Each structure stands twice: as structure tokens, then as C-alpha cells.
Amino acid sequence: MAAGKSERLLNLLIMLLVQRHYVAKDRIREILYPDSTTEAFEKMFERDKDELRSLGVPIEVGQMDAFFDDEPGYRIRPDEFALPDVSLTADEAAVVGLATKVWQHARLAEATTEAVRKLTALGVDVDLSALDIVEPRLSADEPSFDVFWEATQERTPVVFDYVRSGDSEVRTRHLQPWGVARYSGRWYVVGFDIDRQAERIFRLSRVHGRARKEGGPSSYEIPAGTDVSEVARRLAPEPSTTRAELLVRKGAGHTLRRGADLVEEGVPGPDTDSTWDRLVPERGSVGLADEVLGYGADVYVEQPPALRERVAQRLRDALEVEQGVEA
């Protein structure tokens, strides 16, 4: 999927998410599809809506005026997007949907800012607080994520080198990717393994080097009714969980708060400049470390010591890399 298409999907999501009322189709075309013909706009708009909905984004259709039966408008209710009506583990709920991952990509961060800027410049009444549910978080970004994501949208086969768990041998794999899913704090690509002629999942962190497309677009069809998240849950190793105690700065850690079993407000924290809450989530240990890292100084790990040390070591490693780059 080209960057232009990724940006268009993100802009459509943001436009429907931050506005307080239904948005007319003509308004959407004027802002996001200004150079398209009527026929091209209809096709792209329908396709973009379908792609967002397939990723769990609840695009709502309603009347612009309650008293007149005019052309319907579109919107995304933040409360519906934040808590989609699907069965997810607490880990997965933190990353559901397109925006959570796309926001983290440096190449699209500017597009996000630009989308909001354009809407504001055009006098659109925006609610920026709606973006809290897709707040940026640091993550162990996978270099091959873009390749698998784009190949899924284009239905282009992918070839990549892969190292299985507990094995040191690098093997070349050929895959028709169906989608990318997050499960228990890890990113997986789900698809049809051409070599084994069966559905398989591959953990992106075990991809050796960068994946590459092999073949042309529309080379295969994704089986009708395929639920990528369900396949990942079914085929991925059973996740381990850990019970943690986290100090979270007031107003931060929205996804952590939604997944917490207990929230104790107004507790002593690492500094006296802010109000702190204690959260007790039970989450996948790997995913929880990634999420805590993403909130930086807004989250402090009290328990368990192993999680605190894992987070601290990751920060030390990142600092060493940064210092090495500067040197």
C-alpha cells in the first residue's frame, strides 16, 4: 500500500473521529479527495470505508438533519472506537484498529498533524480530545511491518528469511499475507504459507532482515470471512501473564486504565509535581513492558521487580544506541 493511500486512510479516520457531528460526503470529498472524479471518488471512498471497518473502525452512518431526509453523513464515535464490540484480551484492546499502529510510524506522524491542520484551517469544528484513544506510544517497531501491511492491501506475495523459536537456522519463507495482528504484545503476520500449503502465522520480530514483495498485485484472494485476529489467537503460543503495580500520572495511560483490574487514585508518586494513581493490570508480560515504555516518564513500575528491570534495561539499551549514533 503506497504511502498516499495509508495517509488517505489515516486522514479519513481522523476527519470522522475529531468532528462533533456527521460529515457530509461532499465535505469529505472536498477535503480528502479533491482531485478525483465523481466515479473515482465513489470507488475510493467505498473501498476506504470497507478497509477501515475491516480493521475494527466503527464508521456510523446517520442523517445530517434530524428534521429532513437529506443525504446521510458519516462519523466515528470516540466511545465506540475506543471500546469496539469484539472479543479481545486486554493486551489486544490497547492496539486495536488501524490508527494505533499507523500513528506510531514516523513516516505518517507528519500526515496526522497535517490532517488536523487542514481541518482547522477550513473552519471545521474539531474535538482533538478524541485522539486520546490513539495517543502515540513508543514501541518495538518491526522493520518489516510496512512490507507485510502493504502486501496485504495489494494482495502481493512476500518472501522473507525467518528464524523459528529455539532454532538458529535461517529459512526462506514464501507467504500470501492476509493481515497483520497484535497478540500478547507481539506483532504477527497471518497468511497462507506457500511452501507448506497451509495457513500460518509468523512473528515479525523473528523476520531476519527485511521482507520483500514477490510478484504482482492481486495475485491471490484472502478467504472470505477471514478474521486475522482470531487466526493469530488460535495459532500463536499461549501468552504468559504478569500482575503488575504501576504508578501512572493523572491524565495519562488511557489504555492502561481501561485494562486495569484496580485503580487507586491520589497515591504518592515519583515526584510531587503531579497527581499519581496506582493501577493494577494483569497483562501479557512482553506487551506490558512495551506499553509502559511507550508512556515514558508518565508511568513508573512498582511491581514486579522483573518488569521494572526489563523496562530499565530497554531504556539503557536505547540510550547506548543513541549515544553510539551521536558519536
C-alpha atoms as a PDB file:
ATOM      1  CA  MET A   1       0.000   0.000   0.000  1.00  0.00           C
ATOM      2  CA  ALA A   2       1.547   3.278  -1.073  1.00  0.00           C
ATOM      3  CA  ALA A   3       2.175   5.996   1.486  1.00  0.00           C
ATOM      4  CA  GLY A   4      -0.501   8.120  -0.216  1.00  0.00           C
ATOM      5  CA  LYS A   5      -3.149   5.509   0.424  1.00  0.00           C
ATOM      6  CA  SER A   6      -2.022   4.998   4.018  1.00  0.00           C
ATOM      7  CA  GLU A   7      -2.206   8.742   4.606  1.00  0.00           C
ATOM      8  CA  ARG A   8      -5.646   8.937   2.981  1.00  0.00           C
ATOM      9  CA  LEU A   9      -6.986   6.196   5.264  1.00  0.00           C
ATOM     10  CA  LEU A  10      -5.493   7.892   8.297  1.00  0.00           C
ATOM     11  CA  ASN A  11      -6.867  11.279   7.261  1.00  0.00           C
ATOM     12  CA  LEU A  12     -10.341   9.798   6.753  1.00  0.00           C
ATOM     13  CA  LEU A  13     -10.209   8.167  10.170  1.00  0.00           C
ATOM     14  CA  ILE A  14      -9.088  11.387  11.851  1.00  0.00           C
ATOM     15  CA  MET A  15     -11.629  13.522   9.992  1.00  0.00           C
ATOM     16  CA  LEU A  16     -14.548  11.331  11.069  1.00  0.00           C
ATOM     17  CA  LEU A  17     -13.189  10.903  14.585  1.00  0.00           C
ATOM     18  CA  VAL A  18     -12.448  14.500  15.611  1.00  0.00           C
ATOM     19  CA  GLN A  19     -15.589  16.199  14.262  1.00  0.00           C
ATOM     20  CA  ARG A  20     -18.526  16.566  16.585  1.00  0.00           C
ATOM     21  CA  HIS A  21     -21.259  15.914  14.017  1.00  0.00           C
ATOM     22  CA  TYR A  22     -21.930  13.771  10.965  1.00  0.00           C
ATOM     23  CA  VAL A  23     -19.817  14.750   7.963  1.00  0.00           C
ATOM     24  CA  ALA A  24     -21.455  15.022   4.542  1.00  0.00           C
ATOM     25  CA  LYS A  25     -19.995  13.007   1.692  1.00  0.00           C
ATOM     26  CA  ASP A  26     -19.444  16.170  -0.349  1.00  0.00           C
ATOM     27  CA  ARG A  27     -17.432  17.640   2.523  1.00  0.00           C
ATOM     28  CA  ILE A  28     -15.304  14.509   2.734  1.00  0.00           C
ATOM     29  CA  ARG A  29     -14.635  14.641  -0.988  1.00  0.00           C
ATOM     30  CA  GLU A  30     -13.761  18.341  -0.888  1.00  0.00           C
ATOM     31  CA  ILE A  31     -11.131  17.890   1.835  1.00  0.00           C
ATOM     32  CA  LEU A  32      -9.692  14.411   1.288  1.00  0.00           C
ATOM     33  CA  TYR A  33     -10.348  13.566  -2.393  1.00  0.00           C
ATOM     34  CA  PRO A  34     -10.185  16.996  -4.068  1.00  0.00           C
ATOM     35  CA  ASP A  35      -8.664  15.895  -7.380  1.00  0.00           C
ATOM     36  CA  SER A  36     -10.807  12.814  -8.011  1.00  0.00           C
ATOM     37  CA  THR A  37     -13.660  12.492 -10.470  1.00  0.00           C
ATOM     38  CA  THR A  38     -17.110  11.617  -9.152  1.00  0.00           C
ATOM     39  CA  GLU A  39     -16.747   7.993 -10.212  1.00  0.00           C
ATOM     40  CA  ALA A  40     -13.219   7.673  -8.819  1.00  0.00           C
ATOM     41  CA  PHE A  41     -14.257   9.285  -5.537  1.00  0.00           C
ATOM     42  CA  GLU A  42     -17.194   6.904  -5.075  1.00  0.00           C
ATOM     43  CA  LYS A  43     -14.967   3.881  -5.636  1.00  0.00           C
ATOM     44  CA  MET A  44     -12.139   5.098  -3.387  1.00  0.00           C
ATOM     45  CA  PHE A  45     -14.477   6.240  -0.630  1.00  0.00           C
ATOM     46  CA  GLU A  46     -16.344   2.936  -0.527  1.00  0.00           C
ATOM     47  CA  ARG A  47     -13.096   0.986  -0.589  1.00  0.00           C
ATOM     48  CA  ASP A  48     -11.544   3.133   2.154  1.00  0.00           C
ATOM     49  CA  LYS A  49     -14.629   2.749   4.360  1.00  0.00           C
ATOM     50  CA  ASP A  50     -14.566  -1.018   3.893  1.00  0.00           C
ATOM     51  CA  GLU A  51     -10.868  -1.210   4.791  1.00  0.00           C
ATOM     52  CA  LEU A  52     -11.322   0.833   7.964  1.00  0.00           C
ATOM     53  CA  ARG A  53     -14.344  -1.219   9.002  1.00  0.00           C
ATOM     54  CA  SER A  54     -12.423  -4.450   8.377  1.00  0.00           C
ATOM     55  CA  LEU A  55      -9.870  -3.170  10.900  1.00  0.00           C
ATOM     56  CA  GLY A  56     -12.469  -2.632  13.590  1.00  0.00           C
ATOM     57  CA  VAL A  57     -13.202   1.053  12.981  1.00  0.00           C
ATOM     58  CA  PRO A  58     -16.955   1.620  13.566  1.00  0.00           C
ATOM     59  CA  ILE A  59     -17.970   4.131  10.882  1.00  0.00           C
ATOM     60  CA  GLU A  60     -21.506   5.271  11.681  1.00  0.00           C
ATOM     61  CA  VAL A  61     -23.995   6.484   9.078  1.00  0.00           C
ATOM     62  CA  GLY A  62     -26.745   8.948  10.037  1.00  0.00           C
ATOM     63  CA  GLN A  63     -28.835  11.871   8.883  1.00  0.00           C
ATOM     64  CA  MET A  64     -27.236  15.301   8.794  1.00  0.00           C
ATOM     65  CA  ASP A  65     -30.508  16.941   9.855  1.00  0.00           C
ATOM     66  CA  ALA A  66     -32.971  15.201  12.136  1.00  0.00           C
ATOM     67  CA  PHE A  67     -35.904  17.035  10.501  1.00  0.00           C
ATOM     68  CA  PHE A  68     -35.042  16.441   6.859  1.00  0.00           C
ATOM     69  CA  ASP A  69     -34.426  13.228   4.966  1.00  0.00           C
ATOM     70  CA  ASP A  70     -31.282  14.513   3.264  1.00  0.00           C
ATOM     71  CA  GLU A  71     -28.087  12.783   2.238  1.00  0.00           C
ATOM     72  CA  PRO A  72     -26.604  10.742   5.089  1.00  0.00           C
ATOM     73  CA  GLY A  73     -23.405  11.753   6.813  1.00  0.00           C
ATOM     74  CA  TYR A  74     -20.587   9.785   8.401  1.00  0.00           C
ATOM     75  CA  ARG A  75     -18.767   9.830  11.725  1.00  0.00           C
ATOM     76  CA  ILE A  76     -16.774   7.706  14.172  1.00  0.00           C
ATOM     77  CA  ARG A  77     -17.902   7.957  17.771  1.00  0.00           C
ATOM     78  CA  PRO A  78     -14.828   8.022  20.033  1.00  0.00           C
ATOM     79  CA  ASP A  79     -16.546   5.896  22.682  1.00  0.00           C
ATOM     80  CA  GLU A  80     -17.380   3.210  20.126  1.00  0.00           C
ATOM     81  CA  PHE A  81     -13.894   3.286  18.609  1.00  0.00           C
ATOM     82  CA  ALA A  82     -12.197   3.140  21.992  1.00  0.00           C
ATOM     83  CA  LEU A  83     -14.162   0.084  23.077  1.00  0.00           C
ATOM     84  CA  PRO A  84     -15.132  -1.922  19.990  1.00  0.00           C
ATOM     85  CA  ASP A  85     -17.691  -4.692  20.365  1.00  0.00           C
ATOM     86  CA  VAL A  86     -15.263  -7.520  19.760  1.00  0.00           C
ATOM     87  CA  SER A  87     -13.666 -10.127  21.987  1.00  0.00           C
ATOM     88  CA  LEU A  88     -10.105  -9.060  22.764  1.00  0.00           C
ATOM     89  CA  THR A  89      -7.607  -9.665  25.517  1.00  0.00           C
ATOM     90  CA  ALA A  90      -6.530  -6.601  27.482  1.00  0.00           C
ATOM     91  CA  ASP A  91      -3.273  -6.573  25.522  1.00  0.00           C
ATOM     92  CA  GLU A  92      -5.048  -6.505  22.185  1.00  0.00           C
ATOM     93  CA  ALA A  93      -7.548  -3.861  23.256  1.00  0.00           C
ATOM     94  CA  ALA A  94      -4.655  -1.443  23.634  1.00  0.00           C
ATOM     95  CA  VAL A  95      -3.757  -1.687  19.981  1.00  0.00           C
ATOM     96  CA  VAL A  96      -6.983  -2.482  18.137  1.00  0.00           C
ATOM     97  CA  GLY A  97      -7.639  -0.778  14.828  1.00  0.00           C
ATOM     98  CA  LEU A  98      -5.587   0.933  12.189  1.00  0.00           C
ATOM     99  CA  ALA A  99      -4.811   4.197  13.935  1.00  0.00           C
ATOM    100  CA  THR A 100      -2.937   2.745  16.883  1.00  0.00           C
ATOM    101  CA  LYS A 101      -0.207   1.276  14.694  1.00  0.00           C
ATOM    102  CA  VAL A 102      -0.240   3.838  11.922  1.00  0.00           C
ATOM    103  CA  TRP A 103       0.191   6.679  14.427  1.00  0.00           C
ATOM    104  CA  GLN A 104       3.430   5.096  15.662  1.00  0.00           C
ATOM    105  CA  HIS A 105       5.012   5.200  12.201  1.00  0.00           C
ATOM    106  CA  ALA A 106       7.354   8.139  11.853  1.00  0.00           C
ATOM    107  CA  ARG A 107       6.606   8.441   8.151  1.00  0.00           C
ATOM    108  CA  LEU A 108       2.914   9.135   8.923  1.00  0.00           C
ATOM    109  CA  ALA A 109       3.263  11.280  12.042  1.00  0.00           C
ATOM    110  CA  GLU A 110       3.521  14.390   9.847  1.00  0.00           C
ATOM    111  CA  ALA A 111       0.427  13.330   7.920  1.00  0.00           C
ATOM    112  CA  THR A 112      -1.523  13.145  11.181  1.00  0.00           C
ATOM    113  CA  THR A 113      -0.533  16.672  12.116  1.00  0.00           C
ATOM    114  CA  GLU A 114      -1.275  17.866   8.583  1.00  0.00           C
ATOM    115  CA  ALA A 115      -4.752  16.333   8.604  1.00  0.00           C
ATOM    116  CA  VAL A 116      -5.722  18.171  11.771  1.00  0.00           C
ATOM    117  CA  ARG A 117      -4.136  21.387  10.487  1.00  0.00           C
ATOM    118  CA  LYS A 118      -6.147  21.263   7.260  1.00  0.00           C
ATOM    119  CA  LEU A 119      -9.409  20.654   9.073  1.00  0.00           C
ATOM    120  CA  THR A 120      -8.760  23.524  11.460  1.00  0.00           C
ATOM    121  CA  ALA A 121      -7.766  25.869   8.624  1.00  0.00           C
ATOM    122  CA  LEU A 122     -11.028  25.088   6.835  1.00  0.00           C
ATOM    123  CA  GLY A 123     -13.015  26.096   9.901  1.00  0.00           C
ATOM    124  CA  VAL A 124     -14.027  22.562  10.843  1.00  0.00           C
ATOM    125  CA  ASP A 125     -15.132  22.220  14.473  1.00  0.00           C
ATOM    126  CA  VAL A 126     -12.773  19.524  15.720  1.00  0.00           C
ATOM    127  CA  ASP A 127     -12.582  17.706  19.035  1.00  0.00           C
ATOM    128  CA  LEU A 128      -8.894  16.873  19.480  1.00  0.00           C
ATOM    129  CA  SER A 129      -9.592  15.041  22.733  1.00  0.00           C
ATOM    130  CA  ALA A 130     -10.995  12.233  20.586  1.00  0.00           C
ATOM    131  CA  LEU A 131      -7.433  11.436  19.559  1.00  0.00           C
ATOM    132  CA  ASP A 132      -6.573  10.409  23.123  1.00  0.00           C
ATOM    133  CA  ILE A 133      -7.615   6.854  22.251  1.00  0.00           C
ATOM    134  CA  VAL A 134      -4.860   6.680  19.643  1.00  0.00           C
ATOM    135  CA  GLU A 135      -2.237   8.587  21.601  1.00  0.00           C
ATOM    136  CA  PRO A 136       1.315   7.945  20.399  1.00  0.00           C
ATOM    137  CA  ARG A 137       3.324   5.336  22.257  1.00  0.00           C
ATOM    138  CA  LEU A 138       6.883   4.135  21.742  1.00  0.00           C
ATOM    139  CA  SER A 139       7.052   0.544  20.639  1.00  0.00           C
ATOM    140  CA  ALA A 140       9.439  -2.113  19.475  1.00  0.00           C
ATOM    141  CA  ASP A 141       8.725  -1.159  15.882  1.00  0.00           C
ATOM    142  CA  GLU A 142       9.144  -4.020  13.414  1.00  0.00           C
ATOM    143  CA  PRO A 143      11.111  -3.057  10.270  1.00  0.00           C
ATOM    144  CA  SER A 144       9.024  -5.377   8.085  1.00  0.00           C
ATOM    145  CA  PHE A 145       5.618  -4.178   9.293  1.00  0.00           C
ATOM    146  CA  ASP A 146       5.120  -1.840   6.330  1.00  0.00           C
ATOM    147  CA  VAL A 147       6.004  -4.512   3.785  1.00  0.00           C
ATOM    148  CA  PHE A 148       3.515  -7.028   5.168  1.00  0.00           C
ATOM    149  CA  TRP A 149       0.844  -4.361   5.643  1.00  0.00           C
ATOM    150  CA  GLU A 150       1.190  -3.049   2.101  1.00  0.00           C
ATOM    151  CA  ALA A 151       1.316  -6.554   0.638  1.00  0.00           C
ATOM    152  CA  THR A 152      -1.920  -7.407   2.434  1.00  0.00           C
ATOM    153  CA  GLN A 153      -3.712  -4.423   0.918  1.00  0.00           C
ATOM    154  CA  GLU A 154      -2.297  -5.131  -2.539  1.00  0.00           C
ATOM    155  CA  ARG A 155      -2.623  -8.956  -2.223  1.00  0.00           C
ATOM    156  CA  THR A 156       1.013  -9.357  -3.246  1.00  0.00           C
ATOM    157  CA  PRO A 157       3.042 -12.419  -2.102  1.00  0.00           C
ATOM    158  CA  VAL A 158       6.003 -11.805   0.201  1.00  0.00           C
ATOM    159  CA  VAL A 159       9.317 -13.623   0.614  1.00  0.00           C
ATOM    160  CA  PHE A 160      11.384 -13.294   3.789  1.00  0.00           C
ATOM    161  CA  ASP A 161      14.016 -15.023   5.900  1.00  0.00           C
ATOM    162  CA  TYR A 162      12.795 -16.353   9.229  1.00  0.00           C
ATOM    163  CA  VAL A 163      14.258 -17.857  12.398  1.00  0.00           C
ATOM    164  CA  ARG A 164      11.927 -20.118  14.381  1.00  0.00           C
ATOM    165  CA  SER A 165      11.796 -20.068  18.167  1.00  0.00           C
ATOM    166  CA  GLY A 166      14.553 -22.214  19.658  1.00  0.00           C
ATOM    167  CA  ASP A 167      16.295 -22.549  16.286  1.00  0.00           C
ATOM    168  CA  SER A 168      19.337 -20.769  14.882  1.00  0.00           C
ATOM    169  CA  GLU A 169      18.866 -21.699  11.218  1.00  0.00           C
ATOM    170  CA  VAL A 170      17.577 -19.013   8.896  1.00  0.00           C
ATOM    171  CA  ARG A 171      14.957 -20.318   6.451  1.00  0.00           C
ATOM    172  CA  THR A 172      13.384 -18.553   3.486  1.00  0.00           C
ATOM    173  CA  ARG A 173       9.590 -18.451   3.591  1.00  0.00           C
ATOM    174  CA  HIS A 174       7.004 -17.554   0.949  1.00  0.00           C
ATOM    175  CA  LEU A 175       3.690 -16.162   2.120  1.00  0.00           C
ATOM    176  CA  GLN A 176       0.419 -14.786   0.811  1.00  0.00           C
ATOM    177  CA  PRO A 177      -0.278 -12.364   3.695  1.00  0.00           C
ATOM    178  CA  TRP A 178      -3.855 -11.940   4.903  1.00  0.00           C
ATOM    179  CA  GLY A 179      -3.147  -9.351   7.552  1.00  0.00           C
ATOM    180  CA  VAL A 180      -1.042  -8.198  10.479  1.00  0.00           C
ATOM    181  CA  ALA A 181      -2.265  -8.671  14.043  1.00  0.00           C
ATOM    182  CA  ARG A 182      -1.086  -7.877  17.546  1.00  0.00           C
ATOM    183  CA  TYR A 183      -1.333 -10.658  20.123  1.00  0.00           C
ATOM    184  CA  SER A 184       0.113 -10.777  23.633  1.00  0.00           C
ATOM    185  CA  GLY A 185       2.385  -7.822  22.977  1.00  0.00           C
ATOM    186  CA  ARG A 186       3.829  -9.178  19.745  1.00  0.00           C
ATOM    187  CA  TRP A 187       3.154  -8.449  16.068  1.00  0.00           C
ATOM    188  CA  TYR A 188       2.351 -11.381  13.763  1.00  0.00           C
ATOM    189  CA  VAL A 189       1.691 -11.667  10.053  1.00  0.00           C
ATOM    190  CA  VAL A 190      -1.082 -14.097   9.192  1.00  0.00           C
ATOM    191  CA  GLY A 191      -1.415 -15.734   5.799  1.00  0.00           C
ATOM    192  CA  PHE A 192      -1.145 -18.749   3.517  1.00  0.00           C
ATOM    193  CA  ASP A 193       2.275 -20.412   3.636  1.00  0.00           C
ATOM    194  CA  ILE A 194       3.013 -21.319   0.004  1.00  0.00           C
ATOM    195  CA  ASP A 195       5.778 -23.759   0.987  1.00  0.00           C
ATOM    196  CA  ARG A 196       3.571 -25.717   3.399  1.00  0.00           C
ATOM    197  CA  GLN A 197       0.246 -25.095   1.651  1.00  0.00           C
ATOM    198  CA  ALA A 198      -1.452 -24.162   4.920  1.00  0.00           C
ATOM    199  CA  GLU A 199      -2.392 -21.120   6.987  1.00  0.00           C
ATOM    200  CA  ARG A 200       0.447 -19.947   9.214  1.00  0.00           C
ATOM    201  CA  ILE A 201       1.499 -17.027  11.400  1.00  0.00           C
ATOM    202  CA  PHE A 202       4.980 -15.563  11.712  1.00  0.00           C
ATOM    203  CA  ARG A 203       6.240 -13.312  14.483  1.00  0.00           C
ATOM    204  CA  LEU A 204       7.635 -10.142  12.926  1.00  0.00           C
ATOM    205  CA  SER A 205      10.464  -9.874  15.445  1.00  0.00           C
ATOM    206  CA  ARG A 206      11.823 -13.175  14.093  1.00  0.00           C
ATOM    207  CA  VAL A 207      11.969 -11.987  10.496  1.00  0.00           C
ATOM    208  CA  HIS A 208      15.642 -11.876   9.559  1.00  0.00           C
ATOM    209  CA  GLY A 209      16.433  -8.760   7.547  1.00  0.00           C
ATOM    210  CA  ARG A 210      13.647  -7.098   5.599  1.00  0.00           C
ATOM    211  CA  ALA A 211      10.779  -8.846   3.892  1.00  0.00           C
ATOM    212  CA  ARG A 212      10.234  -8.106   0.215  1.00  0.00           C
ATOM    213  CA  LYS A 213       7.325  -8.385  -2.170  1.00  0.00           C
ATOM    214  CA  GLU A 214       7.477 -11.079  -4.815  1.00  0.00           C
ATOM    215  CA  GLY A 215       5.023 -10.944  -7.686  1.00  0.00           C
ATOM    216  CA  GLY A 216       2.320  -8.563  -8.798  1.00  0.00           C
ATOM    217  CA  PRO A 217      -0.742  -7.112  -7.066  1.00  0.00           C
ATOM    218  CA  SER A 218      -3.993  -9.099  -6.882  1.00  0.00           C
ATOM    219  CA  SER A 219      -2.042 -12.364  -7.117  1.00  0.00           C
ATOM    220  CA  TYR A 220      -4.343 -14.159  -4.669  1.00  0.00           C
ATOM    221  CA  GLU A 221      -7.603 -13.795  -2.762  1.00  0.00           C
ATOM    222  CA  ILE A 222      -7.958 -13.615   1.004  1.00  0.00           C
ATOM    223  CA  PRO A 223     -10.508 -16.280   2.054  1.00  0.00           C
ATOM    224  CA  ALA A 224     -13.931 -14.777   2.675  1.00  0.00           C
ATOM    225  CA  GLY A 225     -14.700 -14.253   6.348  1.00  0.00           C
ATOM    226  CA  THR A 226     -11.068 -14.432   7.444  1.00  0.00           C
ATOM    227  CA  ASP A 227     -10.600 -12.984  10.936  1.00  0.00           C
ATOM    228  CA  VAL A 228      -6.888 -12.238  11.212  1.00  0.00           C
ATOM    229  CA  SER A 229      -7.027 -11.649  14.977  1.00  0.00           C
ATOM    230  CA  GLU A 230      -8.803 -14.958  15.520  1.00  0.00           C
ATOM    231  CA  VAL A 231      -6.203 -16.836  13.473  1.00  0.00           C
ATOM    232  CA  ALA A 232      -3.416 -15.189  15.458  1.00  0.00           C
ATOM    233  CA  ARG A 233      -5.034 -16.143  18.762  1.00  0.00           C
ATOM    234  CA  ARG A 234      -5.553 -19.705  17.566  1.00  0.00           C
ATOM    235  CA  LEU A 235      -2.068 -20.307  16.186  1.00  0.00           C
ATOM    236  CA  ALA A 236       0.154 -18.184  18.438  1.00  0.00           C
ATOM    237  CA  PRO A 237       1.750 -19.664  21.565  1.00  0.00           C
ATOM    238  CA  GLU A 238      -0.311 -19.315  24.737  1.00  0.00           C
ATOM    239  CA  PRO A 239       0.650 -15.983  26.318  1.00  0.00           C
ATOM    240  CA  SER A 240       2.073 -15.687  29.805  1.00  0.00           C
ATOM    241  CA  THR A 241       0.650 -13.019  32.095  1.00  0.00           C
ATOM    242  CA  THR A 242       2.007 -10.976  34.957  1.00  0.00           C
ATOM    243  CA  ARG A 243       0.260  -8.954  37.656  1.00  0.00           C
ATOM    244  CA  ALA A 244       1.804  -5.525  37.956  1.00  0.00           C
ATOM    245  CA  GLU A 245       1.506  -2.410  40.084  1.00  0.00           C
ATOM    246  CA  LEU A 246       2.031   0.777  38.114  1.00  0.00           C
ATOM    247  CA  LEU A 247       2.116   4.408  39.172  1.00  0.00           C
ATOM    248  CA  VAL A 248       0.519   6.449  36.391  1.00  0.00           C
ATOM    249  CA  ARG A 249       0.424  10.220  36.132  1.00  0.00           C
ATOM    250  CA  LYS A 250      -3.110  11.673  36.239  1.00  0.00           C
ATOM    251  CA  GLY A 251      -4.455  12.158  32.716  1.00  0.00           C
ATOM    252  CA  ALA A 252      -2.057   9.648  31.137  1.00  0.00           C
ATOM    253  CA  GLY A 253      -2.118   5.935  30.387  1.00  0.00           C
ATOM    254  CA  HIS A 254      -5.629   5.713  28.917  1.00  0.00           C
ATOM    255  CA  THR A 255      -5.277   2.182  27.572  1.00  0.00           C
ATOM    256  CA  LEU A 256      -3.599   1.024  30.777  1.00  0.00           C
ATOM    257  CA  ARG A 257      -6.521   2.399  32.762  1.00  0.00           C
ATOM    258  CA  ARG A 258      -9.084   0.593  30.619  1.00  0.00           C
ATOM    259  CA  GLY A 259      -7.319  -2.718  31.196  1.00  0.00           C
ATOM    260  CA  ALA A 260      -6.653  -2.290  34.918  1.00  0.00           C
ATOM    261  CA  ASP A 261      -8.350  -4.538  37.472  1.00  0.00           C
ATOM    262  CA  LEU A 262      -7.875  -1.908  40.180  1.00  0.00           C
ATOM    263  CA  VAL A 263      -7.295   1.861  40.159  1.00  0.00           C
ATOM    264  CA  GLU A 264      -6.245   3.632  43.369  1.00  0.00           C
ATOM    265  CA  GLU A 265      -6.343   7.397  42.927  1.00  0.00           C
ATOM    266  CA  GLY A 266      -4.193  10.072  44.520  1.00  0.00           C
ATOM    267  CA  VAL A 267      -1.264   7.993  45.751  1.00  0.00           C
ATOM    268  CA  PRO A 268       2.332   9.170  46.365  1.00  0.00           C
ATOM    269  CA  GLY A 269       4.366   9.054  43.166  1.00  0.00           C
ATOM    270  CA  PRO A 270       7.925   9.501  41.875  1.00  0.00           C
ATOM    271  CA  ASP A 271       7.545  13.292  42.050  1.00  0.00           C
ATOM    272  CA  THR A 272       5.329  15.827  43.797  1.00  0.00           C
ATOM    273  CA  ASP A 273       4.675  17.939  40.699  1.00  0.00           C
ATOM    274  CA  SER A 274       1.806  15.714  39.523  1.00  0.00           C
ATOM    275  CA  THR A 275      -1.059  13.632  40.861  1.00  0.00           C
ATOM    276  CA  TRP A 276      -0.466   9.889  40.581  1.00  0.00           C
ATOM    277  CA  ASP A 277      -2.745   6.861  40.501  1.00  0.00           C
ATOM    278  CA  ARG A 278      -1.852   3.241  41.168  1.00  0.00           C
ATOM    279  CA  LEU A 279      -3.062   0.779  38.503  1.00  0.00           C
ATOM    280  CA  VAL A 280      -3.064  -2.985  38.899  1.00  0.00           C
ATOM    281  CA  PRO A 281      -3.364  -4.683  35.481  1.00  0.00           C
ATOM    282  CA  GLU A 282      -2.822  -8.340  34.701  1.00  0.00           C
ATOM    283  CA  ARG A 283      -1.358  -8.433  31.230  1.00  0.00           C
ATOM    284  CA  GLY A 284       0.978 -10.258  28.910  1.00  0.00           C
ATOM    285  CA  SER A 285       4.437  -9.598  30.304  1.00  0.00           C
ATOM    286  CA  VAL A 286       6.102  -8.753  26.969  1.00  0.00           C
ATOM    287  CA  GLY A 287       3.309  -6.475  25.823  1.00  0.00           C
ATOM    288  CA  LEU A 288       3.095  -4.720  29.168  1.00  0.00           C
ATOM    289  CA  ALA A 289       6.781  -3.787  29.071  1.00  0.00           C
ATOM    290  CA  ASP A 290       6.319  -2.316  25.580  1.00  0.00           C
ATOM    291  CA  GLU A 291       3.298  -0.341  26.698  1.00  0.00           C
ATOM    292  CA  VAL A 292       4.940   1.002  29.849  1.00  0.00           C
ATOM    293  CA  LEU A 293       7.925   2.150  27.791  1.00  0.00           C
ATOM    294  CA  GLY A 294       5.576   3.982  25.488  1.00  0.00           C
ATOM    295  CA  TYR A 295       4.350   6.308  28.228  1.00  0.00           C
ATOM    296  CA  GLY A 296       7.853   7.388  29.204  1.00  0.00           C
ATOM    297  CA  ALA A 297       8.011   9.366  32.437  1.00  0.00           C
ATOM    298  CA  ASP A 298       4.232   9.152  32.932  1.00  0.00           C
ATOM    299  CA  VAL A 299       4.402   5.543  34.173  1.00  0.00           C
ATOM    300  CA  TYR A 300       6.573   4.021  36.903  1.00  0.00           C
ATOM    301  CA  VAL A 301       6.730   0.273  37.618  1.00  0.00           C
ATOM    302  CA  GLU A 302       6.424  -0.601  41.308  1.00  0.00           C
ATOM    303  CA  GLN A 303       5.962  -4.352  40.930  1.00  0.00           C
ATOM    304  CA  PRO A 304       7.156  -6.871  39.907  1.00  0.00           C
ATOM    305  CA  PRO A 305      10.914  -6.226  40.013  1.00  0.00           C
ATOM    306  CA  ALA A 306      11.455  -8.291  36.841  1.00  0.00           C
ATOM    307  CA  LEU A 307       9.172  -5.998  34.829  1.00  0.00           C
ATOM    308  CA  ARG A 308      10.826  -2.891  36.262  1.00  0.00           C
ATOM    309  CA  GLU A 309      14.271  -4.237  35.346  1.00  0.00           C
ATOM    310  CA  ARG A 310      13.111  -5.177  31.830  1.00  0.00           C
ATOM    311  CA  VAL A 311      11.853  -1.641  31.248  1.00  0.00           C
ATOM    312  CA  ALA A 312      15.016  -0.114  32.722  1.00  0.00           C
ATOM    313  CA  GLN A 313      17.251  -2.321  30.577  1.00  0.00           C
ATOM    314  CA  ARG A 314      15.371  -1.375  27.426  1.00  0.00           C
ATOM    315  CA  LEU A 315      15.876   2.293  28.277  1.00  0.00           C
ATOM    316  CA  ARG A 316      19.579   1.727  28.910  1.00  0.00           C
ATOM    317  CA  ASP A 317      19.898  -0.094  25.587  1.00  0.00           C
ATOM    318  CA  ALA A 318      18.115   2.739  23.770  1.00  0.00           C
ATOM    319  CA  LEU A 319      20.407   5.295  25.418  1.00  0.00           C
ATOM    320  CA  GLU A 320      23.505   3.350  24.356  1.00  0.00           C
ATOM    321  CA  VAL A 321      22.263   3.221  20.771  1.00  0.00           C
ATOM    322  CA  GLU A 322      21.528   6.958  20.792  1.00  0.00           C
ATOM    323  CA  GLN A 323      24.938   7.758  22.214  1.00  0.00           C
ATOM    324  CA  GLY A 324      26.556   5.492  19.623  1.00  0.00           C
ATOM    325  CA  VAL A 325      24.751   7.334  16.816  1.00  0.00           C
ATOM    326  CA  GLU A 326      25.867  10.715  18.155  1.00  0.00           C
ATOM    327  CA  ALA A 327      29.442   9.533  18.467  1.00  0.00           C
END
